[in-house]
Protein backbone atom coordinates (compact mmCIF):
# COMPACT_ATOMS: atom_id res chain seq x y z
CA MET A 1 56.30 -2.47 -44.62
CA ALA A 2 59.49 -4.16 -45.78
CA LEU A 3 62.64 -2.06 -45.84
CA ARG A 4 63.21 -0.59 -49.29
CA GLU A 5 66.91 -1.49 -49.13
CA ASN A 6 66.04 -5.15 -48.53
CA LEU A 7 63.58 -5.19 -51.43
CA GLU A 8 66.13 -3.57 -53.73
CA ARG A 9 68.74 -6.11 -52.64
CA ASP A 10 66.35 -9.00 -53.31
CA LEU A 11 65.53 -7.70 -56.79
CA ARG A 12 69.19 -7.27 -57.69
CA ALA A 13 70.09 -10.69 -56.28
CA ALA A 14 67.46 -12.20 -58.59
CA GLY A 15 69.07 -10.41 -61.54
CA LEU A 16 66.23 -7.90 -61.89
CA ARG A 17 66.33 -4.17 -62.33
CA VAL A 18 64.94 -2.14 -59.48
CA THR A 19 61.81 -0.36 -60.72
CA GLN A 20 59.08 1.47 -58.85
CA PRO A 21 56.32 -1.00 -59.89
CA ARG A 22 58.44 -3.95 -58.74
CA LEU A 23 59.15 -2.28 -55.41
CA ALA A 24 55.48 -1.39 -54.92
CA VAL A 25 54.23 -4.91 -55.66
CA LEU A 26 56.97 -6.67 -53.71
CA ASP A 27 56.35 -4.45 -50.69
CA ALA A 28 52.58 -5.04 -50.95
CA VAL A 29 53.07 -8.82 -50.94
CA HIS A 30 55.50 -8.67 -48.01
CA THR A 31 53.03 -6.50 -46.07
CA HIS A 32 49.87 -8.43 -47.05
CA PRO A 33 50.60 -12.11 -47.73
CA HIS A 34 47.97 -14.23 -49.48
CA LEU A 35 46.23 -11.37 -51.28
CA ASP A 36 44.75 -11.92 -54.72
CA THR A 37 45.77 -9.86 -57.73
CA GLU A 38 42.98 -7.29 -57.44
CA ALA A 39 43.77 -6.62 -53.79
CA LEU A 40 47.48 -6.41 -54.62
CA ILE A 41 46.75 -3.85 -57.33
CA ALA A 42 44.97 -1.69 -54.74
CA ALA A 43 47.78 -2.20 -52.20
CA ALA A 44 50.47 -1.37 -54.79
CA ARG A 45 48.58 1.80 -55.72
CA THR A 46 48.85 3.04 -52.14
CA ARG A 47 52.61 3.00 -52.74
CA LEU A 48 52.64 4.07 -56.41
CA ASP A 49 49.52 5.83 -57.70
CA ALA A 50 50.14 5.35 -61.41
CA VAL A 51 50.78 1.58 -61.52
CA SER A 52 48.53 -0.10 -64.08
CA HIS A 53 46.73 -3.44 -63.85
CA GLN A 54 48.97 -4.82 -66.58
CA ALA A 55 52.13 -3.65 -64.82
CA VAL A 56 51.09 -5.46 -61.63
CA TYR A 57 50.29 -8.65 -63.57
CA ASP A 58 53.67 -8.43 -65.34
CA VAL A 59 55.53 -7.80 -62.07
CA LEU A 60 53.77 -10.72 -60.34
CA ARG A 61 54.74 -13.03 -63.20
CA VAL A 62 58.40 -11.92 -63.15
CA LEU A 63 58.68 -12.07 -59.37
CA THR A 64 57.11 -15.54 -59.32
CA ASP A 65 59.28 -16.78 -62.20
CA THR A 66 62.43 -15.61 -60.41
CA GLY A 67 61.38 -17.17 -57.09
CA LEU A 68 60.91 -13.93 -55.14
CA LEU A 69 57.20 -14.69 -54.77
CA ARG A 70 55.15 -17.85 -54.53
CA ARG A 71 51.78 -18.20 -56.24
CA ILE A 72 49.21 -20.38 -54.51
CA GLN A 73 45.69 -21.22 -55.63
CA PRO A 74 43.58 -23.25 -53.23
CA GLN A 75 40.70 -25.08 -54.90
CA GLY A 76 37.83 -22.71 -55.66
CA SER A 77 39.99 -19.62 -55.10
CA VAL A 78 41.73 -17.13 -57.33
CA ALA A 79 45.52 -17.04 -57.36
CA ARG A 80 47.16 -15.49 -54.33
CA TYR A 81 50.75 -14.46 -53.68
CA GLU A 82 53.19 -14.60 -50.80
CA ALA A 83 56.81 -13.66 -50.19
CA ARG A 84 57.58 -16.65 -47.95
CA VAL A 85 59.45 -18.82 -50.42
CA GLY A 86 61.94 -21.66 -50.32
CA ASP A 87 60.77 -23.45 -47.19
CA ASN A 88 57.96 -25.57 -48.71
CA HIS A 89 55.47 -24.54 -46.01
CA HIS A 90 51.79 -25.36 -46.32
CA HIS A 91 48.51 -23.50 -45.86
CA LEU A 92 45.35 -23.67 -43.79
CA VAL A 93 42.25 -22.23 -45.48
CA CYS A 94 39.03 -21.25 -43.70
CA ARG A 95 36.01 -22.71 -45.49
CA SER A 96 33.80 -19.89 -44.19
CA CYS A 97 35.70 -16.63 -44.73
CA GLY A 98 38.57 -17.78 -46.96
CA VAL A 99 41.41 -16.52 -44.75
CA ILE A 100 44.70 -18.31 -45.46
CA THR A 101 47.32 -19.01 -42.80
CA ASP A 102 50.82 -20.42 -43.19
CA VAL A 103 51.54 -23.80 -41.60
CA ASP A 104 55.08 -25.07 -41.20
CA CYS A 105 56.17 -28.27 -42.89
CA ALA A 106 54.22 -31.33 -41.81
CA THR A 107 57.31 -33.45 -41.14
CA GLY A 108 61.02 -32.84 -41.48
CA GLU A 109 62.47 -30.60 -44.16
CA ALA A 110 61.41 -29.85 -47.72
CA PRO A 111 59.77 -31.55 -49.45
CA CYS A 112 58.60 -32.84 -46.02
CA LEU A 113 56.28 -35.43 -47.52
CA ALA A 114 57.24 -38.31 -49.74
CA PRO A 115 54.81 -40.19 -51.94
CA SER A 116 53.85 -43.59 -50.59
CA GLY A 117 54.87 -46.69 -52.43
CA ASP A 118 57.26 -46.74 -55.33
CA SER A 119 57.88 -43.46 -57.16
CA PRO A 120 58.09 -43.64 -60.93
CA SER A 121 61.59 -44.37 -62.14
CA GLY A 122 63.80 -41.30 -62.06
CA PHE A 123 61.20 -39.07 -60.41
CA VAL A 124 62.69 -36.82 -57.72
CA VAL A 125 60.26 -35.00 -55.41
CA ASP A 126 61.38 -31.48 -54.47
CA GLU A 127 58.14 -29.96 -53.20
CA ALA A 128 54.90 -31.05 -51.56
CA GLU A 129 51.79 -28.91 -51.61
CA VAL A 130 49.43 -29.45 -48.70
CA ILE A 131 46.32 -27.44 -47.98
CA TYR A 132 44.48 -27.99 -44.74
CA TRP A 133 40.81 -26.97 -44.79
CA GLY A 134 38.73 -26.01 -41.77
CA ARG A 135 37.29 -22.99 -39.99
CA CYS A 136 39.31 -20.19 -38.44
CA LEU A 137 38.74 -19.31 -34.78
CA SER A 138 36.54 -16.31 -35.65
CA CYS A 139 34.25 -18.36 -37.88
CA ALA A 140 34.22 -21.38 -35.58
CA THR A 141 33.13 -19.30 -32.59
CA ALA A 142 30.68 -17.02 -34.42
CA PRO A 143 27.02 -17.54 -33.62
CA ALA A 144 25.22 -19.54 -36.25
CA ALA A 145 23.33 -17.45 -38.77
CA PRO A 146 19.55 -17.75 -38.42
CA SER A 147 17.88 -19.98 -40.97
CA PRO A 148 15.82 -18.12 -43.53
CA ALA A 149 12.10 -18.16 -42.87
CA PRO A 150 10.07 -20.41 -45.16
CA PRO A 151 8.15 -18.54 -47.84
CA ALA A 152 4.72 -17.35 -46.72
CA GLU A 153 1.77 -19.13 -48.27
CA LYS A 154 -0.47 -17.02 -50.46
CA SER A 155 -4.06 -16.88 -49.40
CA ALA A 156 -6.74 -17.42 -52.02
CA PRO A 157 -8.53 -14.23 -53.13
């Protein structure tokens, strides 16, 4: 759980009022990075019972717009949120269970990857989004699931 004073400071530094829904959502994201909106609603409700779905959606939008949160959406996944912002890190996604893990920049500092060849005139890269796909240790070492049995043939009456 992030310290309330730090969360309040972050909100004020971003020019936002400190409200209970904002504190609940921001704390939930700090505590549980890479959760989707539904899971964040449940996590925020453990901190503030009366927070509505719409309030959480509104808070996520404001916190993302002000740069306090980062929204990621790996292919085939719903949007997820994290509080690690500003360092242009990347993500590793398990193809089996969907767990997402942070991976530091591939090379150098942000944007840490430059497009190959000539960039369009006047185009300045400030961020690179890289998603590595694979299987987490738990899924990679789990015994293979048994294949389903073929359907039984019906005997003639």
